[in-house]
Amino acid sequence: MMLYVYIALAGAAGALARFGVGKWAYTAFEGKLALSTLIVNVVGSFILAFILAASIAGKELMPIDMKTAVTVGFLGAFTTFSTFSYETLHFVQIGKPGVALGNIGANLFFGLGAGALGILLGRMMGS
């Protein structure tokens, strides 16, 4: 039962962190780009890949309940595909298909890149 509490608390923290990044990025970039979604997706991709790759390599970075809370709760609330989808479609609707394609490319390139880096570093933890 406590695992559910940990996931819920971590999810709340992830949601608050997501909100904070969104407010910061909107202010820093004057609302012109969908950078908050890109930032959380890249950071989240890295953290998830790092934790899981380290675990697979035999280096547990934290107890299993904490790992579940972080990966399912915090990262589940912190990262967002639905916002990415909406923002991309919004750019198309307002006549900016190039920005939409750039958003898709940036999220895929940097998200997968961060995931690959997380896997590499996570595997190194097991060595």
Protein backbone atom coordinates (compact mmCIF):
# COMPACT_ATOMS: atom_id res chain seq x y z
CA MET A 1 0.00 0.00 0.00
CA MET A 2 2.84 2.39 0.77
CA LEU A 3 4.13 2.04 -2.79
CA TYR A 4 0.94 3.73 -4.02
CA VAL A 5 1.51 6.59 -1.59
CA TYR A 6 5.11 6.97 -2.80
CA ILE A 7 3.98 7.00 -6.45
CA ALA A 8 1.28 9.58 -5.68
CA LEU A 9 3.71 11.85 -3.81
CA ALA A 10 6.34 11.53 -6.53
CA GLY A 11 3.66 12.21 -9.15
CA ALA A 12 2.68 15.39 -7.32
CA ALA A 13 6.33 16.45 -7.22
CA GLY A 14 6.70 15.69 -10.93
CA ALA A 15 3.62 17.71 -11.78
CA LEU A 16 4.90 20.67 -9.76
CA ALA A 17 8.32 20.40 -11.38
CA ARG A 18 6.67 20.30 -14.82
CA PHE A 19 4.65 23.40 -13.95
CA GLY A 20 7.79 25.19 -12.73
CA VAL A 21 9.74 24.40 -15.90
CA GLY A 22 6.78 25.58 -17.96
CA LYS A 23 6.56 28.91 -16.16
CA TRP A 24 10.32 29.43 -16.39
CA ALA A 25 10.51 28.58 -20.11
CA TYR A 26 7.48 30.71 -20.99
CA THR A 27 9.05 33.70 -19.25
CA ALA A 28 12.59 33.06 -20.49
CA PHE A 29 11.53 32.61 -24.12
CA GLU A 30 8.56 35.01 -24.09
CA GLY A 31 6.09 32.25 -24.97
CA LYS A 32 7.45 32.00 -28.52
CA LEU A 33 8.56 28.38 -28.47
CA ALA A 34 7.34 25.10 -26.99
CA LEU A 35 10.60 24.70 -25.11
CA SER A 36 9.14 23.64 -21.78
CA THR A 37 7.78 20.44 -23.32
CA LEU A 38 11.07 19.79 -25.08
CA ILE A 39 13.03 20.40 -21.87
CA VAL A 40 10.94 18.07 -19.71
CA ASN A 41 10.87 15.36 -22.37
CA VAL A 42 14.65 15.48 -22.86
CA VAL A 43 15.43 15.58 -19.15
CA GLY A 44 12.84 12.89 -18.42
CA SER A 45 14.16 10.66 -21.23
CA PHE A 46 17.66 10.93 -19.81
CA ILE A 47 16.67 10.23 -16.20
CA LEU A 48 14.46 7.26 -17.06
CA ALA A 49 17.03 5.70 -19.39
CA PHE A 50 19.84 6.25 -16.86
CA ILE A 51 17.95 4.66 -13.96
CA LEU A 52 16.71 1.68 -15.94
CA ALA A 53 20.00 1.02 -17.76
CA ALA A 54 21.93 1.15 -14.48
CA SER A 55 19.44 -1.31 -13.01
CA ILE A 56 19.76 -3.68 -15.97
CA ALA A 57 23.57 -3.41 -15.69
CA GLY A 58 23.32 -4.60 -12.10
CA LYS A 59 23.78 -1.26 -10.33
CA GLU A 60 20.64 -0.43 -8.39
CA LEU A 61 20.79 3.30 -7.67
CA MET A 62 17.90 3.21 -5.20
CA PRO A 63 15.50 0.79 -3.52
CA ILE A 64 12.85 -0.71 -5.81
CA ASP A 65 9.96 1.24 -4.25
CA MET A 66 11.85 4.51 -4.73
CA LYS A 67 12.76 3.55 -8.30
CA THR A 68 9.10 2.83 -9.04
CA ALA A 69 8.01 6.12 -7.47
CA VAL A 70 10.58 8.09 -9.46
CA THR A 71 10.03 6.37 -12.81
CA VAL A 72 6.24 5.92 -12.69
CA GLY A 73 5.24 8.78 -10.40
CA PHE A 74 7.68 11.64 -10.85
CA LEU A 75 8.67 11.06 -14.48
CA GLY A 76 5.14 10.04 -15.45
CA ALA A 77 3.88 13.42 -14.29
CA PHE A 78 6.97 15.40 -15.32
CA THR A 79 7.14 14.39 -18.98
CA THR A 80 4.26 14.79 -21.37
CA PHE A 81 3.42 13.49 -24.78
CA SER A 82 -0.07 14.95 -24.85
CA THR A 83 1.23 18.51 -24.58
CA PHE A 84 3.80 17.81 -27.27
CA SER A 85 1.02 16.57 -29.55
CA TYR A 86 -1.21 19.55 -28.88
CA GLU A 87 1.58 22.10 -29.37
CA THR A 88 2.65 20.47 -32.63
CA LEU A 89 -0.89 20.43 -33.99
CA HIS A 90 -1.43 24.00 -32.83
CA PHE A 91 1.55 25.14 -34.91
CA VAL A 92 -0.02 23.45 -37.95
CA GLN A 93 -3.40 25.07 -37.26
CA ILE A 94 -1.91 28.57 -37.04
CA GLY A 95 -0.07 28.12 -40.31
CA LYS A 96 3.39 27.28 -39.02
CA PRO A 97 4.03 23.76 -40.36
CA GLY A 98 7.79 24.34 -40.36
CA VAL A 99 7.72 25.09 -36.64
CA ALA A 100 5.57 21.97 -36.12
CA LEU A 101 8.12 19.82 -37.97
CA GLY A 102 10.94 21.47 -36.05
CA ASN A 103 9.16 20.68 -32.80
CA ILE A 104 8.75 17.03 -33.82
CA GLY A 105 12.38 16.79 -34.91
CA ALA A 106 13.74 18.48 -31.80
CA ASN A 107 11.73 16.29 -29.42
CA LEU A 108 12.72 13.11 -31.24
CA PHE A 109 16.38 14.03 -31.72
CA PHE A 110 17.05 15.44 -28.26
CA GLY A 111 14.74 13.01 -26.44
CA LEU A 112 16.30 9.96 -28.08
CA GLY A 113 19.76 11.47 -27.66
CA ALA A 114 19.17 12.03 -23.95
CA GLY A 115 17.83 8.50 -23.66
CA ALA A 116 20.91 7.09 -25.38
CA LEU A 117 23.18 9.10 -23.10
CA GLY A 118 21.22 7.87 -20.09
CA ILE A 119 21.64 4.26 -21.22
CA LEU A 120 25.36 4.75 -21.77
CA LEU A 121 25.92 6.33 -18.36
CA GLY A 122 23.59 3.88 -16.65
CA ARG A 123 25.50 0.92 -18.10
CA MET A 124 28.76 2.49 -16.97
CA MET A 125 27.39 2.52 -13.42
CA GLY A 126 27.22 -1.27 -13.58
CA SER A 127 30.86 -1.63 -14.61
